[in-house]
């Protein structure tokens, strides 16, 4: 455990139990959220790589045309 984290835990341990539990729930929720984002990005990496390769091939082959990303072209 880092020194900073130990300092934070020491201060937290001085709080009333209900406040400790509330902060613990927040920390755990943040960690779970980070885990979900990591899992989402790890699963989408191959798809994003494939889409980037397709876009690069379209640009190289000249099948793309300039446009305004804010407006659909037909």
N, C-alpha and C. Protein backbone atom coordinates (compact mmCIF):
# COMPACT_ATOMS: atom_id res chain seq x y z
N UNK A 1 0.85 -1.17 0.00
CA UNK A 1 0.00 0.00 0.00
C UNK A 1 0.90 1.23 0.00
N UNK A 2 0.51 2.22 -0.79
CA UNK A 2 1.32 3.43 -0.84
C UNK A 2 1.14 4.26 0.43
N UNK A 3 2.07 5.14 0.65
CA UNK A 3 2.01 6.01 1.83
C UNK A 3 0.77 6.91 1.77
N UNK A 4 0.47 7.43 0.60
CA UNK A 4 -0.69 8.30 0.46
C UNK A 4 -1.99 7.56 0.76
N UNK A 5 -2.11 6.35 0.25
CA UNK A 5 -3.31 5.56 0.51
C UNK A 5 -3.42 5.22 1.99
N UNK A 6 -2.30 4.91 2.62
CA UNK A 6 -2.31 4.62 4.05
C UNK A 6 -2.76 5.85 4.85
N UNK A 7 -2.30 7.04 4.44
CA UNK A 7 -2.72 8.28 5.10
C UNK A 7 -4.22 8.48 4.95
N UNK A 8 -4.73 8.22 3.76
CA UNK A 8 -6.17 8.35 3.53
C UNK A 8 -6.94 7.38 4.41
N UNK A 9 -6.50 6.14 4.49
CA UNK A 9 -7.19 5.15 5.32
C UNK A 9 -7.12 5.53 6.80
N UNK A 10 -6.00 6.07 7.23
CA UNK A 10 -5.90 6.49 8.63
C UNK A 10 -6.91 7.59 8.94
N UNK A 11 -7.06 8.52 8.03
CA UNK A 11 -8.04 9.59 8.25
C UNK A 11 -9.46 9.06 8.18
N UNK A 12 -9.71 8.17 7.24
CA UNK A 12 -11.05 7.59 7.11
C UNK A 12 -11.44 6.80 8.35
N UNK A 13 -10.47 6.14 8.95
CA UNK A 13 -10.77 5.31 10.11
C UNK A 13 -11.23 6.13 11.32
N UNK A 14 -11.02 7.43 11.27
CA UNK A 14 -11.44 8.31 12.36
C UNK A 14 -12.88 8.80 12.18
N UNK A 15 -13.46 8.53 11.03
CA UNK A 15 -14.84 8.97 10.76
C UNK A 15 -15.84 8.01 11.42
N UNK A 16 -17.07 8.48 11.60
CA UNK A 16 -18.11 7.58 12.12
C UNK A 16 -18.33 6.41 11.17
N UNK A 17 -18.72 5.25 11.69
CA UNK A 17 -18.88 4.05 10.86
C UNK A 17 -19.79 4.25 9.64
N UNK A 18 -20.89 4.98 9.78
CA UNK A 18 -21.78 5.16 8.63
C UNK A 18 -21.11 5.97 7.52
N UNK A 19 -20.27 6.93 7.88
CA UNK A 19 -19.53 7.71 6.88
C UNK A 19 -18.45 6.85 6.23
N UNK A 20 -17.80 6.01 7.03
CA UNK A 20 -16.80 5.08 6.47
C UNK A 20 -17.45 4.16 5.44
N UNK A 21 -18.62 3.63 5.78
CA UNK A 21 -19.32 2.72 4.86
C UNK A 21 -19.74 3.45 3.59
N UNK A 22 -20.20 4.69 3.72
CA UNK A 22 -20.62 5.46 2.55
C UNK A 22 -19.43 5.69 1.61
N UNK A 23 -18.30 6.07 2.17
CA UNK A 23 -17.11 6.29 1.35
C UNK A 23 -16.60 4.98 0.76
N UNK A 24 -16.67 3.91 1.52
CA UNK A 24 -16.25 2.60 1.00
C UNK A 24 -17.12 2.20 -0.19
N UNK A 25 -18.43 2.44 -0.10
CA UNK A 25 -19.32 2.12 -1.23
C UNK A 25 -18.94 2.95 -2.47
N UNK A 26 -18.61 4.22 -2.26
CA UNK A 26 -18.20 5.07 -3.39
C UNK A 26 -16.92 4.55 -4.04
N UNK A 27 -15.96 4.21 -3.21
CA UNK A 27 -14.68 3.70 -3.73
C UNK A 27 -14.90 2.40 -4.50
N UNK A 28 -15.68 1.49 -3.92
CA UNK A 28 -15.94 0.21 -4.59
C UNK A 28 -16.70 0.41 -5.90
N UNK A 29 -17.66 1.32 -5.91
CA UNK A 29 -18.40 1.60 -7.13
C UNK A 29 -17.47 2.17 -8.20
N UNK A 30 -16.55 3.06 -7.82
CA UNK A 30 -15.59 3.61 -8.77
C UNK A 30 -14.69 2.51 -9.35
N UNK A 31 -14.24 1.62 -8.48
CA UNK A 31 -13.38 0.52 -8.95
C UNK A 31 -14.14 -0.41 -9.90
N UNK A 32 -15.40 -0.71 -9.57
CA UNK A 32 -16.20 -1.56 -10.45
C UNK A 32 -16.45 -0.88 -11.79
N UNK A 33 -16.68 0.44 -11.76
CA UNK A 33 -16.89 1.19 -12.99
C UNK A 33 -15.63 1.15 -13.86
N UNK A 34 -14.47 1.32 -13.25
CA UNK A 34 -13.21 1.22 -14.00
C UNK A 34 -13.04 -0.16 -14.61
N UNK A 35 -13.40 -1.20 -13.86
CA UNK A 35 -13.31 -2.57 -14.39
C UNK A 35 -14.22 -2.75 -15.59
N UNK A 36 -15.44 -2.19 -15.51
CA UNK A 36 -16.37 -2.30 -16.65
C UNK A 36 -15.82 -1.58 -17.88
N UNK A 37 -15.27 -0.36 -17.68
CA UNK A 37 -14.70 0.37 -18.81
C UNK A 37 -13.53 -0.40 -19.41
N UNK A 38 -12.66 -0.94 -18.56
CA UNK A 38 -11.52 -1.71 -19.07
C UNK A 38 -12.00 -2.91 -19.89
N UNK A 39 -13.02 -3.60 -19.39
CA UNK A 39 -13.55 -4.77 -20.11
C UNK A 39 -14.17 -4.34 -21.43
N UNK A 40 -14.90 -3.25 -21.41
CA UNK A 40 -15.54 -2.76 -22.64
C UNK A 40 -14.50 -2.41 -23.69
N UNK A 41 -13.47 -1.68 -23.29
CA UNK A 41 -12.44 -1.28 -24.25
C UNK A 41 -11.61 -2.46 -24.72
N UNK A 42 -11.37 -3.42 -23.87
CA UNK A 42 -10.58 -4.58 -24.31
C UNK A 42 -11.36 -5.40 -25.32
N UNK A 43 -12.69 -5.46 -25.17
CA UNK A 43 -13.51 -6.21 -26.15
C UNK A 43 -13.65 -5.45 -27.46
N UNK A 44 -13.64 -4.13 -27.40
CA UNK A 44 -13.88 -3.35 -28.61
C UNK A 44 -12.61 -3.04 -29.39
N UNK A 45 -11.46 -3.36 -28.82
CA UNK A 45 -10.20 -3.04 -29.48
C UNK A 45 -10.07 -3.64 -30.87
N UNK A 46 -10.40 -4.91 -31.03
CA UNK A 46 -10.29 -5.56 -32.33
C UNK A 46 -11.25 -4.94 -33.33
N UNK A 47 -12.46 -4.63 -32.89
CA UNK A 47 -13.43 -4.00 -33.78
C UNK A 47 -12.95 -2.63 -34.22
N UNK A 48 -12.45 -1.84 -33.29
CA UNK A 48 -11.95 -0.51 -33.64
C UNK A 48 -10.76 -0.60 -34.59
N UNK A 49 -9.89 -1.57 -34.37
CA UNK A 49 -8.76 -1.76 -35.28
C UNK A 49 -9.25 -2.11 -36.68
N UNK A 50 -10.25 -2.99 -36.78
CA UNK A 50 -10.79 -3.38 -38.08
C UNK A 50 -11.42 -2.19 -38.78
N UNK A 51 -12.21 -1.39 -38.04
CA UNK A 51 -12.85 -0.22 -38.64
C UNK A 51 -11.82 0.80 -39.11
N UNK A 52 -10.75 0.98 -38.34
CA UNK A 52 -9.69 1.90 -38.75
C UNK A 52 -9.01 1.40 -40.02
N UNK A 53 -8.77 0.09 -40.10
CA UNK A 53 -8.16 -0.48 -41.31
C UNK A 53 -9.06 -0.29 -42.52
N UNK A 54 -10.37 -0.49 -42.34
CA UNK A 54 -11.32 -0.29 -43.44
C UNK A 54 -11.33 1.16 -43.89
N UNK A 55 -11.33 2.09 -42.94
CA UNK A 55 -11.33 3.51 -43.29
C UNK A 55 -10.05 3.87 -44.04
N UNK A 56 -8.93 3.35 -43.59
CA UNK A 56 -7.66 3.63 -44.26
C UNK A 56 -7.66 3.09 -45.69
N UNK A 57 -8.22 1.88 -45.88
CA UNK A 57 -8.29 1.31 -47.24
C UNK A 57 -9.19 2.15 -48.13
N UNK A 58 -10.32 2.63 -47.59
CA UNK A 58 -11.22 3.46 -48.38
C UNK A 58 -10.55 4.77 -48.77
N UNK A 59 -9.82 5.37 -47.85
CA UNK A 59 -9.12 6.62 -48.15
C UNK A 59 -8.05 6.38 -49.21
N UNK A 60 -7.28 5.31 -49.05
CA UNK A 60 -6.21 4.98 -49.99
C UNK A 60 -6.77 4.68 -51.38
N UNK A 61 -7.91 3.99 -51.44
CA UNK A 61 -8.48 3.62 -52.73
C UNK A 61 -9.27 4.75 -53.37
N UNK A 62 -9.48 5.84 -52.64
CA UNK A 62 -10.18 6.99 -53.20
C UNK A 62 -11.69 6.84 -53.20
N UNK A 63 -12.23 5.92 -52.43
CA UNK A 63 -13.68 5.74 -52.42
C UNK A 63 -14.38 6.62 -51.40
N UNK A 64 -13.62 7.46 -50.72
CA UNK A 64 -14.24 8.39 -49.78
C UNK A 64 -14.33 9.76 -50.43
N UNK A 65 -15.19 10.59 -49.86
CA UNK A 65 -15.28 11.96 -50.35
C UNK A 65 -15.43 12.90 -49.15
N UNK A 66 -14.98 14.12 -49.32
CA UNK A 66 -15.07 15.06 -48.21
C UNK A 66 -16.53 15.30 -47.82
N UNK A 67 -16.75 15.55 -46.57
CA UNK A 67 -18.09 15.82 -46.11
C UNK A 67 -18.06 16.49 -44.75
N UNK A 68 -19.21 16.92 -44.34
CA UNK A 68 -19.37 17.55 -43.03
C UNK A 68 -19.86 16.47 -42.09
N UNK A 69 -19.07 16.09 -41.07
CA UNK A 69 -19.49 15.02 -40.17
C UNK A 69 -20.77 15.34 -39.42
N UNK A 70 -21.16 16.61 -39.40
CA UNK A 70 -22.38 16.99 -38.71
C UNK A 70 -23.63 16.83 -39.57
N UNK A 71 -23.43 16.55 -40.86
CA UNK A 71 -24.57 16.42 -41.77
C UNK A 71 -24.39 15.19 -42.64
N UNK A 72 -25.43 14.41 -42.75
CA UNK A 72 -25.36 13.21 -43.59
C UNK A 72 -25.40 13.62 -45.05
N UNK A 73 -24.64 12.90 -45.86
CA UNK A 73 -24.69 13.11 -47.30
C UNK A 73 -25.29 11.88 -47.93
N UNK A 74 -25.95 12.07 -49.03
CA UNK A 74 -26.62 10.95 -49.70
C UNK A 74 -25.86 10.56 -50.93
